[in-house]
Amino acid sequence: MGSAPGAHAVTVNGNSVRADAEIDDDATWYPAEAVVLAVEVISPESEIRDRERKPQLYAKAGIPYFWLVEGVDGKPVVHTYERNQSTGAYDLIGSFHDRLILTAPFDIDIDLTKFEQRPFA
């Protein structure tokens, strides 16, 4: 993704890479213009970077959607954002605690209560 940092996940069943993007099957990175969704999982050692700097870089690169995943009381919370075309920054769509249900950038329904936060070493 050029100068943007690498996200923890950029695809969900291949749906977060633009269909018209020409990506080699062996690629280990994606050009920013091919990415629809970037996902960051907050790590204790990089929390400020994950919360502040990476979203700025993804937005600047033009990635339309961004999710930030964090553990709260041992359970995942997913904060979802959409890039505002006017400002170029991300606007919060919502924060999901028990169930993640969205229709953009694709239809998704995930029961977040099925996941537990793994302790960090």
PDB file of N, CA and C in Angstrom:
ATOM      1  N   MET A   1       0.825  -1.192   0.000  1.00  0.00           N
ATOM      2  CA  MET A   1       0.000   0.000   0.000  1.00  0.00           C
ATOM      3  C   MET A   1       0.864   1.249   0.000  1.00  0.00           C
ATOM      4  N   GLY A   2       1.938   1.234  -0.681  1.00  0.00           N
ATOM      5  CA  GLY A   2       2.782   2.418  -0.750  1.00  0.00           C
ATOM      6  C   GLY A   2       3.340   2.757   0.614  1.00  0.00           C
ATOM      7  N   SER A   3       3.128   4.029   1.061  1.00  0.00           N
ATOM      8  CA  SER A   3       3.657   4.446   2.343  1.00  0.00           C
ATOM      9  C   SER A   3       2.717   4.139   3.495  1.00  0.00           C
ATOM     10  N   ALA A   4       1.538   3.624   3.216  1.00  0.00           N
ATOM     11  CA  ALA A   4       0.611   3.270   4.283  1.00  0.00           C
ATOM     12  C   ALA A   4       1.103   2.009   4.968  1.00  0.00           C
ATOM     13  N   PRO A   5       0.862   1.885   6.287  1.00  0.00           N
ATOM     14  CA  PRO A   5       1.312   0.699   7.002  1.00  0.00           C
ATOM     15  C   PRO A   5       0.483  -0.505   6.612  1.00  0.00           C
ATOM     16  N   GLY A   6       1.021  -1.689   6.868  1.00  0.00           N
ATOM     17  CA  GLY A   6       0.283  -2.912   6.576  1.00  0.00           C
ATOM     18  C   GLY A   6      -0.779  -3.170   7.620  1.00  0.00           C
ATOM     19  N   ALA A   7      -2.000  -3.423   7.204  1.00  0.00           N
ATOM     20  CA  ALA A   7      -3.078  -3.736   8.128  1.00  0.00           C
ATOM     21  C   ALA A   7      -2.983  -5.199   8.538  1.00  0.00           C
ATOM     22  N   HIS A   8      -3.613  -5.525   9.655  1.00  0.00           N
ATOM     23  CA  HIS A   8      -3.662  -6.916  10.096  1.00  0.00           C
ATOM     24  C   HIS A   8      -4.490  -7.753   9.140  1.00  0.00           C
ATOM     25  N   ALA A   9      -5.491  -7.137   8.525  1.00  0.00           N
ATOM     26  CA  ALA A   9      -6.326  -7.857   7.557  1.00  0.00           C
ATOM     27  C   ALA A   9      -6.826  -6.864   6.527  1.00  0.00           C
ATOM     28  N   VAL A  10      -6.798  -7.255   5.281  1.00  0.00           N
ATOM     29  CA  VAL A  10      -7.346  -6.385   4.242  1.00  0.00           C
ATOM     30  C   VAL A  10      -8.410  -7.084   3.425  1.00  0.00           C
ATOM     31  N   THR A  11      -8.632  -8.361   3.680  1.00  0.00           N
ATOM     32  CA  THR A  11      -9.665  -9.052   2.932  1.00  0.00           C
ATOM     33  C   THR A  11     -10.518  -9.909   3.849  1.00  0.00           C
ATOM     34  N   VAL A  12     -11.761 -10.025   3.508  1.00  0.00           N
ATOM     35  CA  VAL A  12     -12.675 -10.965   4.153  1.00  0.00           C
ATOM     36  C   VAL A  12     -13.316 -11.725   3.011  1.00  0.00           C
ATOM     37  N   ASN A  13     -12.925 -12.974   2.831  1.00  0.00           N
ATOM     38  CA  ASN A  13     -13.397 -13.779   1.702  1.00  0.00           C
ATOM     39  C   ASN A  13     -13.155 -13.080   0.365  1.00  0.00           C
ATOM     40  N   GLY A  14     -12.098 -12.292   0.291  1.00  0.00           N
ATOM     41  CA  GLY A  14     -11.755 -11.623  -0.957  1.00  0.00           C
ATOM     42  C   GLY A  14     -12.625 -10.425  -1.282  1.00  0.00           C
ATOM     43  N   ASN A  15     -13.599 -10.105  -0.441  1.00  0.00           N
ATOM     44  CA  ASN A  15     -14.546  -9.044  -0.758  1.00  0.00           C
ATOM     45  C   ASN A  15     -14.033  -7.638  -0.506  1.00  0.00           C
ATOM     46  N   SER A  16     -12.931  -7.478   0.199  1.00  0.00           N
ATOM     47  CA  SER A  16     -12.486  -6.126   0.473  1.00  0.00           C
ATOM     48  C   SER A  16     -11.383  -5.662  -0.469  1.00  0.00           C
ATOM     49  N   VAL A  17     -11.133  -6.438  -1.506  1.00  0.00           N
ATOM     50  CA  VAL A  17     -10.261  -5.987  -2.587  1.00  0.00           C
ATOM     51  C   VAL A  17     -11.147  -5.761  -3.798  1.00  0.00           C
ATOM     52  N   ARG A  18     -10.984  -4.628  -4.424  1.00  0.00           N
ATOM     53  CA  ARG A  18     -11.841  -4.273  -5.557  1.00  0.00           C
ATOM     54  C   ARG A  18     -11.808  -5.361  -6.628  1.00  0.00           C
ATOM     55  N   ALA A  19     -12.972  -5.666  -7.154  1.00  0.00           N
ATOM     56  CA  ALA A  19     -13.098  -6.734  -8.148  1.00  0.00           C
ATOM     57  C   ALA A  19     -12.287  -6.444  -9.404  1.00  0.00           C
ATOM     58  N   ASP A  20     -12.123  -5.153  -9.726  1.00  0.00           N
ATOM     59  CA  ASP A  20     -11.406  -4.805 -10.948  1.00  0.00           C
ATOM     60  C   ASP A  20      -9.893  -4.664 -10.731  1.00  0.00           C
ATOM     61  N   ALA A  21      -9.432  -4.906  -9.484  1.00  0.00           N
ATOM     62  CA  ALA A  21      -8.001  -4.800  -9.194  1.00  0.00           C
ATOM     63  C   ALA A  21      -7.273  -6.009  -9.744  1.00  0.00           C
ATOM     64  N   GLU A  22      -6.143  -5.766 -10.367  1.00  0.00           N
ATOM     65  CA  GLU A  22      -5.326  -6.863 -10.881  1.00  0.00           C
ATOM     66  C   GLU A  22      -4.261  -7.186  -9.842  1.00  0.00           C
ATOM     67  N   ILE A  23      -4.531  -8.243  -9.051  1.00  0.00           N
ATOM     68  CA  ILE A  23      -3.645  -8.643  -7.963  1.00  0.00           C
ATOM     69  C   ILE A  23      -3.168 -10.067  -8.219  1.00  0.00           C
ATOM     70  N   ASP A  24      -1.878 -10.252  -8.139  1.00  0.00           N
ATOM     71  CA  ASP A  24      -1.286 -11.583  -8.282  1.00  0.00           C
ATOM     72  C   ASP A  24      -1.712 -12.439  -7.093  1.00  0.00           C
ATOM     73  N   ASP A  25      -2.017 -13.703  -7.333  1.00  0.00           N
ATOM     74  CA  ASP A  25      -2.448 -14.612  -6.269  1.00  0.00           C
ATOM     75  C   ASP A  25      -1.398 -14.789  -5.177  1.00  0.00           C
ATOM     76  N   ASP A  26      -0.136 -14.548  -5.481  1.00  0.00           N
ATOM     77  CA  ASP A  26       0.939 -14.700  -4.513  1.00  0.00           C
ATOM     78  C   ASP A  26       1.329 -13.380  -3.844  1.00  0.00           C
ATOM     79  N   ALA A  27       0.560 -12.329  -4.081  1.00  0.00           N
ATOM     80  CA  ALA A  27       0.897 -11.008  -3.540  1.00  0.00           C
ATOM     81  C   ALA A  27       0.878 -11.027  -2.018  1.00  0.00           C
ATOM     82  N   THR A  28       1.822 -10.322  -1.401  1.00  0.00           N
ATOM     83  CA  THR A  28       1.863 -10.187   0.052  1.00  0.00           C
ATOM     84  C   THR A  28       1.449  -8.785   0.490  1.00  0.00           C
ATOM     85  N   TRP A  29       1.110  -7.941  -0.454  1.00  0.00           N
ATOM     86  CA  TRP A  29       0.603  -6.605  -0.169  1.00  0.00           C
ATOM     87  C   TRP A  29      -0.327  -6.199  -1.298  1.00  0.00           C
ATOM     88  N   TYR A  30      -1.114  -5.162  -1.061  1.00  0.00           N
ATOM     89  CA  TYR A  30      -2.061  -4.664  -2.047  1.00  0.00           C
ATOM     90  C   TYR A  30      -1.864  -3.171  -2.222  1.00  0.00           C
ATOM     91  N   PRO A  31      -1.949  -2.674  -3.441  1.00  0.00           N
ATOM     92  CA  PRO A  31      -1.892  -1.224  -3.618  1.00  0.00           C
ATOM     93  C   PRO A  31      -3.134  -0.594  -2.983  1.00  0.00           C
ATOM     94  N   ALA A  32      -2.976   0.564  -2.382  1.00  0.00           N
ATOM     95  CA  ALA A  32      -4.081   1.215  -1.653  1.00  0.00           C
ATOM     96  C   ALA A  32      -5.329   1.350  -2.506  1.00  0.00           C
ATOM     97  N   GLU A  33      -5.167   1.647  -3.787  1.00  0.00           N
ATOM     98  CA  GLU A  33      -6.342   1.850  -4.644  1.00  0.00           C
ATOM     99  C   GLU A  33      -7.134   0.565  -4.861  1.00  0.00           C
ATOM    100  N   ALA A  34      -6.559  -0.582  -4.531  1.00  0.00           N
ATOM    101  CA  ALA A  34      -7.265  -1.857  -4.682  1.00  0.00           C
ATOM    102  C   ALA A  34      -8.001  -2.270  -3.405  1.00  0.00           C
ATOM    103  N   VAL A  35      -7.704  -1.606  -2.282  1.00  0.00           N
ATOM    104  CA  VAL A  35      -8.257  -2.004  -0.993  1.00  0.00           C
ATOM    105  C   VAL A  35      -9.547  -1.244  -0.691  1.00  0.00           C
ATOM    106  N   VAL A  36     -10.563  -1.984  -0.258  1.00  0.00           N
ATOM    107  CA  VAL A  36     -11.844  -1.396   0.134  1.00  0.00           C
ATOM    108  C   VAL A  36     -11.917  -1.263   1.653  1.00  0.00           C
ATOM    109  N   LEU A  37     -11.317  -2.209   2.383  1.00  0.00           N
ATOM    110  CA  LEU A  37     -11.400  -2.248   3.843  1.00  0.00           C
ATOM    111  C   LEU A  37     -10.046  -2.594   4.431  1.00  0.00           C
ATOM    112  N   ALA A  38      -9.616  -1.795   5.414  1.00  0.00           N
ATOM    113  CA  ALA A  38      -8.427  -2.113   6.208  1.00  0.00           C
ATOM    114  C   ALA A  38      -8.890  -2.369   7.634  1.00  0.00           C
ATOM    115  N   VAL A  39      -8.313  -3.380   8.282  1.00  0.00           N
ATOM    116  CA  VAL A  39      -8.681  -3.737   9.647  1.00  0.00           C
ATOM    117  C   VAL A  39      -7.422  -3.728  10.504  1.00  0.00           C
ATOM    118  N   GLU A  40      -7.494  -3.036  11.618  1.00  0.00           N
ATOM    119  CA  GLU A  40      -6.400  -3.026  12.597  1.00  0.00           C
ATOM    120  C   GLU A  40      -6.893  -3.631  13.891  1.00  0.00           C
ATOM    121  N   VAL A  41      -6.104  -4.521  14.464  1.00  0.00           N
ATOM    122  CA  VAL A  41      -6.368  -5.080  15.776  1.00  0.00           C
ATOM    123  C   VAL A  41      -5.394  -4.413  16.735  1.00  0.00           C
ATOM    124  N   ILE A  42      -5.919  -3.735  17.736  1.00  0.00           N
ATOM    125  CA  ILE A  42      -5.060  -2.982  18.646  1.00  0.00           C
ATOM    126  C   ILE A  42      -4.158  -3.924  19.428  1.00  0.00           C
ATOM    127  N   SER A  43      -2.876  -3.600  19.414  1.00  0.00           N
ATOM    128  CA  SER A  43      -1.871  -4.322  20.184  1.00  0.00           C
ATOM    129  C   SER A  43      -1.357  -3.385  21.273  1.00  0.00           C
ATOM    130  N   PRO A  44      -1.092  -3.903  22.463  1.00  0.00           N
ATOM    131  CA  PRO A  44      -0.613  -3.027  23.536  1.00  0.00           C
ATOM    132  C   PRO A  44       0.640  -2.241  23.160  1.00  0.00           C
ATOM    133  N   GLU A  45       1.558  -2.890  22.423  1.00  0.00           N
ATOM    134  CA  GLU A  45       2.816  -2.209  22.097  1.00  0.00           C
ATOM    135  C   GLU A  45       2.676  -1.179  20.979  1.00  0.00           C
ATOM    136  N   SER A  46       1.539  -1.172  20.288  1.00  0.00           N
ATOM    137  CA  SER A  46       1.368  -0.207  19.188  1.00  0.00           C
ATOM    138  C   SER A  46       0.012   0.494  19.247  1.00  0.00           C
ATOM    139  N   GLU A  47      -0.555   0.620  20.434  1.00  0.00           N
ATOM    140  CA  GLU A  47      -1.911   1.160  20.576  1.00  0.00           C
ATOM    141  C   GLU A  47      -2.065   2.563  19.987  1.00  0.00           C
ATOM    142  N   ILE A  48      -1.163   3.462  20.274  1.00  0.00           N
ATOM    143  CA  ILE A  48      -1.285   4.827  19.755  1.00  0.00           C
ATOM    144  C   ILE A  48      -1.187   4.819  18.234  1.00  0.00           C
ATOM    145  N   ARG A  49      -0.252   4.076  17.698  1.00  0.00           N
ATOM    146  CA  ARG A  49      -0.101   3.973  16.246  1.00  0.00           C
ATOM    147  C   ARG A  49      -1.353   3.360  15.612  1.00  0.00           C
ATOM    148  N   ASP A  50      -1.901   2.299  16.231  1.00  0.00           N
ATOM    149  CA  ASP A  50      -3.094   1.632  15.695  1.00  0.00           C
ATOM    150  C   ASP A  50      -4.319   2.549  15.729  1.00  0.00           C
ATOM    151  N   ARG A  51      -4.461   3.331  16.791  1.00  0.00           N
ATOM    152  CA  ARG A  51      -5.630   4.205  16.951  1.00  0.00           C
ATOM    153  C   ARG A  51      -5.532   5.520  16.180  1.00  0.00           C
ATOM    154  N   GLU A  52      -4.323   6.056  16.073  1.00  0.00           N
ATOM    155  CA  GLU A  52      -4.177   7.401  15.535  1.00  0.00           C
ATOM    156  C   GLU A  52      -3.484   7.465  14.173  1.00  0.00           C
ATOM    157  N   ARG A  53      -2.280   6.965  14.105  1.00  0.00           N
ATOM    158  CA  ARG A  53      -1.482   7.155  12.890  1.00  0.00           C
ATOM    159  C   ARG A  53      -1.952   6.307  11.712  1.00  0.00           C
ATOM    160  N   LYS A  54      -2.208   5.025  11.960  1.00  0.00           N
ATOM    161  CA  LYS A  54      -2.609   4.159  10.853  1.00  0.00           C
ATOM    162  C   LYS A  54      -3.912   4.600  10.194  1.00  0.00           C
ATOM    163  N   PRO A  55      -4.954   4.958  10.969  1.00  0.00           N
ATOM    164  CA  PRO A  55      -6.172   5.455  10.297  1.00  0.00           C
ATOM    165  C   PRO A  55      -5.911   6.695   9.432  1.00  0.00           C
ATOM    166  N   GLN A  56      -5.031   7.570   9.888  1.00  0.00           N
ATOM    167  CA  GLN A  56      -4.690   8.754   9.089  1.00  0.00           C
ATOM    168  C   GLN A  56      -4.063   8.343   7.761  1.00  0.00           C
ATOM    169  N   LEU A  57      -3.154   7.386   7.817  1.00  0.00           N
ATOM    170  CA  LEU A  57      -2.474   6.939   6.603  1.00  0.00           C
ATOM    171  C   LEU A  57      -3.428   6.220   5.657  1.00  0.00           C
ATOM    172  N   TYR A  58      -4.304   5.382   6.202  1.00  0.00           N
ATOM    173  CA  TYR A  58      -5.277   4.679   5.361  1.00  0.00           C
ATOM    174  C   TYR A  58      -6.225   5.673   4.694  1.00  0.00           C
ATOM    175  N   ALA A  59      -6.705   6.654   5.467  1.00  0.00           N
ATOM    176  CA  ALA A  59      -7.608   7.663   4.906  1.00  0.00           C
ATOM    177  C   ALA A  59      -6.902   8.460   3.816  1.00  0.00           C
ATOM    178  N   LYS A  60      -5.663   8.853   4.084  1.00  0.00           N
ATOM    179  CA  LYS A  60      -4.890   9.610   3.088  1.00  0.00           C
ATOM    180  C   LYS A  60      -4.687   8.796   1.817  1.00  0.00           C
ATOM    181  N   ALA A  61      -4.551   7.477   1.972  1.00  0.00           N
ATOM    182  CA  ALA A  61      -4.366   6.591   0.819  1.00  0.00           C
ATOM    183  C   ALA A  61      -5.675   6.367   0.059  1.00  0.00           C
ATOM    184  N   GLY A  62      -6.812   6.815   0.640  1.00  0.00           N
ATOM    185  CA  GLY A  62      -8.096   6.701  -0.048  1.00  0.00           C
ATOM    186  C   GLY A  62      -8.847   5.406   0.206  1.00  0.00           C
ATOM    187  N   ILE A  63      -8.459   4.645   1.215  1.00  0.00           N
ATOM    188  CA  ILE A  63      -9.164   3.393   1.525  1.00  0.00           C
ATOM    189  C   ILE A  63     -10.521   3.744   2.122  1.00  0.00           C
ATOM    190  N   PRO A  64     -11.619   3.297   1.490  1.00  0.00           N
ATOM    191  CA  PRO A  64     -12.957   3.755   1.879  1.00  0.00           C
ATOM    192  C   PRO A  64     -13.428   3.347   3.277  1.00  0.00           C
ATOM    193  N   TYR A  65     -13.049   2.161   3.745  1.00  0.00           N
ATOM    194  CA  TYR A  65     -13.544   1.674   5.034  1.00  0.00           C
ATOM    195  C   TYR A  65     -12.395   1.225   5.915  1.00  0.00           C
ATOM    196  N   PHE A  66     -12.579   1.433   7.227  1.00  0.00           N
ATOM    197  CA  PHE A  66     -11.575   1.073   8.211  1.00  0.00           C
ATOM    198  C   PHE A  66     -12.282   0.521   9.442  1.00  0.00           C
ATOM    199  N   TRP A  67     -11.788  -0.604   9.955  1.00  0.00           N
ATOM    200  CA  TRP A  67     -12.298  -1.165  11.203  1.00  0.00           C
ATOM    201  C   TRP A  67     -11.162  -1.209  12.207  1.00  0.00           C
ATOM    202  N   LEU A  68     -11.476  -0.866  13.454  1.00  0.00           N
ATOM    203  CA  LEU A  68     -10.525  -0.941  14.555  1.00  0.00           C
ATOM    204  C   LEU A  68     -11.094  -1.928  15.569  1.00  0.00           C
ATOM    205  N   VAL A  69     -10.341  -2.982  15.853  1.00  0.00           N
ATOM    206  CA  VAL A  69     -10.801  -4.028  16.762  1.00  0.00           C
ATOM    207  C   VAL A  69      -9.979  -3.934  18.044  1.00  0.00           C
ATOM    208  N   GLU A  70     -10.685  -3.923  19.179  1.00  0.00           N
ATOM    209  CA  GLU A  70      -9.994  -3.898  20.458  1.00  0.00           C
ATOM    210  C   GLU A  70     -10.693  -4.823  21.441  1.00  0.00           C
ATOM    211  N   GLY A  71      -9.976  -5.220  22.469  1.00  0.00           N
ATOM    212  CA  GLY A  71     -10.561  -6.046  23.514  1.00  0.00           C
ATOM    213  C   GLY A  71     -11.009  -5.170  24.666  1.00  0.00           C
ATOM    214  N   VAL A  72     -12.249  -5.372  25.092  1.00  0.00           N
ATOM    215  CA  VAL A  72     -12.788  -4.656  26.252  1.00  0.00           C
ATOM    216  C   VAL A  72     -13.394  -5.704  27.170  1.00  0.00           C
ATOM    217  N   ASP A  73     -12.848  -5.803  28.396  1.00  0.00           N
ATOM    218  CA  ASP A  73     -13.313  -6.802  29.360  1.00  0.00           C
ATOM    219  C   ASP A  73     -13.268  -8.208  28.761  1.00  0.00           C
ATOM    220  N   GLY A  74     -12.231  -8.494  27.976  1.00  0.00           N
ATOM    221  CA  GLY A  74     -12.042  -9.819  27.402  1.00  0.00           C
ATOM    222  C   GLY A  74     -12.903 -10.125  26.189  1.00  0.00           C
ATOM    223  N   LYS A  75     -13.648  -9.154  25.716  1.00  0.00           N
ATOM    224  CA  LYS A  75     -14.523  -9.356  24.551  1.00  0.00           C
ATOM    225  C   LYS A  75     -14.128  -8.378  23.452  1.00  0.00           C
ATOM    226  N   PRO A  76     -14.298  -8.778  22.192  1.00  0.00           N
ATOM    227  CA  PRO A  76     -13.952  -7.864  21.098  1.00  0.00           C
ATOM    228  C   PRO A  76     -15.004  -6.769  20.904  1.00  0.00           C
ATOM    229  N   VAL A  77     -14.514  -5.595  20.583  1.00  0.00           N
ATOM    230  CA  VAL A  77     -15.361  -4.466  20.178  1.00  0.00           C
ATOM    231  C   VAL A  77     -14.819  -4.014  18.832  1.00  0.00           C
ATOM    232  N   VAL A  78     -15.716  -3.852  17.863  1.00  0.00           N
ATOM    233  CA  VAL A  78     -15.310  -3.447  16.519  1.00  0.00           C
ATOM    234  C   VAL A  78     -15.874  -2.057  16.256  1.00  0.00           C
ATOM    235  N   HIS A  79     -14.969  -1.100  16.011  1.00  0.00           N
ATOM    236  CA  HIS A  79     -15.349   0.266  15.659  1.00  0.00           C
ATOM    237  C   HIS A  79     -15.224   0.369  14.141  1.00  0.00           C
ATOM    238  N   THR A  80     -16.294   0.761  13.474  1.00  0.00           N
ATOM    239  CA  THR A  80     -16.291   0.805  12.008  1.00  0.00           C
ATOM    240  C   THR A  80     -16.352   2.248  11.533  1.00  0.00           C
ATOM    241  N   TYR A  81     -15.593   2.535  10.473  1.00  0.00           N
ATOM    242  CA  TYR A  81     -15.468   3.887   9.948  1.00  0.00           C
ATOM    243  C   TYR A  81     -15.624   3.888   8.435  1.00  0.00           C
ATOM    244  N   GLU A  82     -16.126   5.008   7.937  1.00  0.00           N
ATOM    245  CA  GLU A  82     -16.207   5.217   6.493  1.00  0.00           C
ATOM    246  C   GLU A  82     -15.508   6.527   6.166  1.00  0.00           C
ATOM    247  N   ARG A  83     -14.746   6.526   5.096  1.00  0.00           N
ATOM    248  CA  ARG A  83     -14.003   7.726   4.692  1.00  0.00           C
ATOM    249  C   ARG A  83     -14.960   8.766   4.140  1.00  0.00           C
ATOM    250  N   ASN A  84     -14.887   9.964   4.695  1.00  0.00           N
ATOM    251  CA  ASN A  84     -15.698  11.087   4.263  1.00  0.00           C
ATOM    252  C   ASN A  84     -15.043  11.703   3.025  1.00  0.00           C
ATOM    253  N   GLN A  85     -15.749  11.707   1.910  1.00  0.00           N
ATOM    254  CA  GLN A  85     -15.182  12.227   0.653  1.00  0.00           C
ATOM    255  C   GLN A  85     -14.827  13.700   0.747  1.00  0.00           C
ATOM    256  N   SER A  86     -15.580  14.468   1.531  1.00  0.00           N
ATOM    257  CA  SER A  86     -15.324  15.916   1.640  1.00  0.00           C
ATOM    258  C   SER A  86     -14.088  16.228   2.472  1.00  0.00           C
ATOM    259  N   THR A  87     -13.951  15.556   3.612  1.00  0.00           N
ATOM    260  CA  THR A  87     -12.843  15.867   4.514  1.00  0.00           C
ATOM    261  C   THR A  87     -11.635  14.970   4.305  1.00  0.00           C
ATOM    262  N   GLY A  88     -11.856  13.782   3.721  1.00  0.00           N
ATOM    263  CA  GLY A  88     -10.771  12.829   3.546  1.00  0.00           C
ATOM    264  C   GLY A  88     -10.441  12.057   4.811  1.00  0.00           C
ATOM    265  N   ALA A  89     -11.181  12.329   5.901  1.00  0.00           N
ATOM    266  CA  ALA A  89     -10.965  11.631   7.177  1.00  0.00           C
ATOM    267  C   ALA A  89     -12.067  10.596   7.379  1.00  0.00           C
ATOM    268  N   TYR A  90     -11.858   9.707   8.338  1.00  0.00           N
ATOM    269  CA  TYR A  90     -12.862   8.690   8.634  1.00  0.00           C
ATOM    270  C   TYR A  90     -13.918   9.223   9.592  1.00  0.00           C
ATOM    271  N   ASP A  91     -15.185   8.882   9.320  1.00  0.00           N
ATOM    272  CA  ASP A  91     -16.301   9.148  10.218  1.00  0.00           C
ATOM    273  C   ASP A  91     -16.711   7.828  10.848  1.00  0.00           C
ATOM    274  N   LEU A  92     -16.997   7.861  12.146  1.00  0.00           N
ATOM    275  CA  LEU A  92     -17.431   6.656  12.840  1.00  0.00           C
ATOM    276  C   LEU A  92     -18.818   6.244  12.349  1.00  0.00           C
ATOM    277  N   ILE A  93     -18.942   4.990  11.929  1.00  0.00           N
ATOM    278  CA  ILE A  93     -20.246   4.428  11.553  1.00  0.00           C
ATOM    279  C   ILE A  93     -20.903   3.865  12.801  1.00  0.00           C
ATOM    280  N   GLY A  94     -20.144   3.125  13.586  1.00  0.00           N
ATOM    281  CA  GLY A  94     -20.686   2.549  14.813  1.00  0.00           C
ATOM    282  C   GLY A  94     -19.652   1.727  15.540  1.00  0.00           C
ATOM    283  N   SER A  95     -19.972   1.418  16.801  1.00  0.00           N
ATOM    284  CA  SER A  95     -19.141   0.541  17.620  1.00  0.00           C
ATOM    285  C   SER A  95     -19.999  -0.653  17.993  1.00  0.00           C
ATOM    286  N   PHE A  96     -19.493  -1.831  17.721  1.00  0.00           N
ATOM    287  CA  PHE A  96     -20.259  -3.060  17.863  1.00  0.00           C
ATOM    288  C   PHE A  96     -19.644  -3.933  18.952  1.00  0.00           C
ATOM    289  N   HIS A  97     -20.477  -4.328  19.926  1.00  0.00           N
ATOM    290  CA  HIS A  97     -20.009  -5.096  21.080  1.00  0.00           C
ATOM    291  C   HIS A  97     -20.415  -6.559  21.011  1.00  0.00           C
ATOM    292  N   ASP A  98     -21.668  -6.837  20.744  1.00  0.00           N
ATOM    293  CA  ASP A  98     -22.162  -8.211  20.757  1.00  0.00           C
ATOM    294  C   ASP A  98     -22.313  -8.805  19.362  1.00  0.00           C
ATOM    295  N   ARG A  99     -22.728  -7.973  18.423  1.00  0.00           N
ATOM    296  CA  ARG A  99     -22.973  -8.463  17.067  1.00  0.00           C
ATOM    297  C   ARG A  99     -22.577  -7.372  16.072  1.00  0.00           C
ATOM    298  N   LEU A 100     -21.825  -7.770  15.064  1.00  0.00           N
ATOM    299  CA  LEU A 100     -21.404  -6.852  14.004  1.00  0.00           C
ATOM    300  C   LEU A 100     -22.293  -7.117  12.795  1.00  0.00           C
ATOM    301  N   ILE A 101     -23.160  -6.165  12.492  1.00  0.00           N
ATOM    302  CA  ILE A 101     -24.054  -6.288  11.344  1.00  0.00           C
ATOM    303  C   ILE A 101     -23.877  -5.033  10.491  1.00  0.00           C
ATOM    304  N   LEU A 102     -23.434  -5.236   9.255  1.00  0.00           N
ATOM    305  CA  LEU A 102     -23.219  -4.128   8.331  1.00  0.00           C
ATOM    306  C   LEU A 102     -23.652  -4.522   6.927  1.00  0.00           C
ATOM    307  N   THR A 103     -23.941  -3.505   6.124  1.00  0.00           N
ATOM    308  CA  THR A 103     -24.240  -3.740   4.708  1.00  0.00           C
ATOM    309  C   THR A 103     -23.189  -3.118   3.805  1.00  0.00           C
ATOM    310  N   ALA A 104     -22.269  -2.350   4.388  1.00  0.00           N
ATOM    311  CA  ALA A 104     -21.195  -1.745   3.592  1.00  0.00           C
ATOM    312  C   ALA A 104     -19.887  -1.895   4.356  1.00  0.00           C
ATOM    313  N   PRO A 105     -18.826  -2.260   3.715  1.00  0.00           N
ATOM    314  CA  PRO A 105     -18.653  -2.389   2.272  1.00  0.00           C
ATOM    315  C   PRO A 105     -19.243  -3.671   1.695  1.00  0.00           C
ATOM    316  N   PHE A 106     -19.778  -4.548   2.575  1.00  0.00           N
ATOM    317  CA  PHE A 106     -20.435  -5.761   2.122  1.00  0.00           C
ATOM    318  C   PHE A 106     -21.342  -6.226   3.253  1.00  0.00           C
ATOM    319  N   ASP A 107     -22.273  -7.106   2.957  1.00  0.00           N
ATOM    320  CA  ASP A 107     -23.160  -7.649   3.979  1.00  0.00           C
ATOM    321  C   ASP A 107     -22.373  -8.572   4.904  1.00  0.00           C
ATOM    322  N   ILE A 108     -22.489  -8.304   6.207  1.00  0.00           N
ATOM    323  CA  ILE A 108     -21.779  -9.134   7.177  1.00  0.00           C
ATOM    324  C   ILE A 108     -22.585  -9.179   8.471  1.00  0.00           C
ATOM    325  N   ASP A 109     -22.575 -10.330   9.116  1.00  0.00           N
ATOM    326  CA  ASP A 109     -23.251 -10.538  10.388  1.00  0.00           C
ATOM    327  C   ASP A 109     -22.378 -11.494  11.202  1.00  0.00           C
ATOM    328  N   ILE A 110     -21.703 -10.955  12.227  1.00  0.00           N
ATOM    329  CA  ILE A 110     -20.792 -11.755  13.045  1.00  0.00           C
ATOM    330  C   ILE A 110     -21.226 -11.662  14.503  1.00  0.00           C
ATOM    331  N   ASP A 111     -21.400 -12.805  15.141  1.00  0.00           N
ATOM    332  CA  ASP A 111     -21.694 -12.860  16.570  1.00  0.00           C
ATOM    333  C   ASP A 111     -20.378 -12.700  17.321  1.00  0.00           C
ATOM    334  N   LEU A 112     -20.141 -11.509  17.849  1.00  0.00           N
ATOM    335  CA  LEU A 112     -18.875 -11.209  18.517  1.00  0.00           C
ATOM    336  C   LEU A 112     -18.764 -11.889  19.876  1.00  0.00           C
ATOM    337  N   THR A 113     -19.871 -12.366  20.428  1.00  0.00           N
ATOM    338  CA  THR A 113     -19.816 -13.038  21.733  1.00  0.00           C
ATOM    339  C   THR A 113     -19.145 -14.401  21.637  1.00  0.00           C
ATOM    340  N   LYS A 114     -18.949 -14.902  20.435  1.00  0.00           N
ATOM    341  CA  LYS A 114     -18.304 -16.201  20.232  1.00  0.00           C
ATOM    342  C   LYS A 114     -16.778 -16.122  20.328  1.00  0.00           C
ATOM    343  N   PHE A 115     -16.259 -14.896  20.401  1.00  0.00           N
ATOM    344  CA  PHE A 115     -14.819 -14.696  20.434  1.00  0.00           C
ATOM    345  C   PHE A 115     -14.378 -14.261  21.825  1.00  0.00           C
ATOM    346  N   GLU A 116     -13.213 -14.701  22.204  1.00  0.00           N
ATOM    347  CA  GLU A 116     -12.612 -14.275  23.453  1.00  0.00           C
ATOM    348  C   GLU A 116     -11.266 -13.642  23.130  1.00  0.00           C
ATOM    349  N   GLN A 117     -10.918 -12.642  23.924  1.00  0.00           N
ATOM    350  CA  GLN A 117      -9.626 -11.995  23.724  1.00  0.00           C
ATOM    351  C   GLN A 117      -8.537 -12.913  24.257  1.00  0.00           C
ATOM    352  N   ARG A 118      -7.548 -13.136  23.414  1.00  0.00           N
ATOM    353  CA  ARG A 118      -6.395 -13.923  23.844  1.00  0.00           C
ATOM    354  C   ARG A 118      -5.433 -13.025  24.597  1.00  0.00           C
ATOM    355  N   PRO A 119      -4.869 -13.521  25.699  1.00  0.00           N
ATOM    356  CA  PRO A 119      -3.894 -12.702  26.420  1.00  0.00           C
ATOM    357  C   PRO A 119      -2.637 -12.513  25.572  1.00  0.00           C
ATOM    358  N   PHE A 120      -2.034 -11.350  25.715  1.00  0.00           N
ATOM    359  CA  PHE A 120      -0.793 -11.072  24.996  1.00  0.00           C
ATOM    360  C   PHE A 120       0.374 -11.585  25.822  1.00  0.00           C
ATOM    361  N   ALA A 121       1.366 -12.122  25.142  1.00  0.00           N
ATOM    362  CA  ALA A 121       2.548 -12.652  25.841  1.00  0.00           C
ATOM    363  C   ALA A 121       3.422 -11.524  26.345  1.00  0.00           C
TER     364      ALA A 121
END
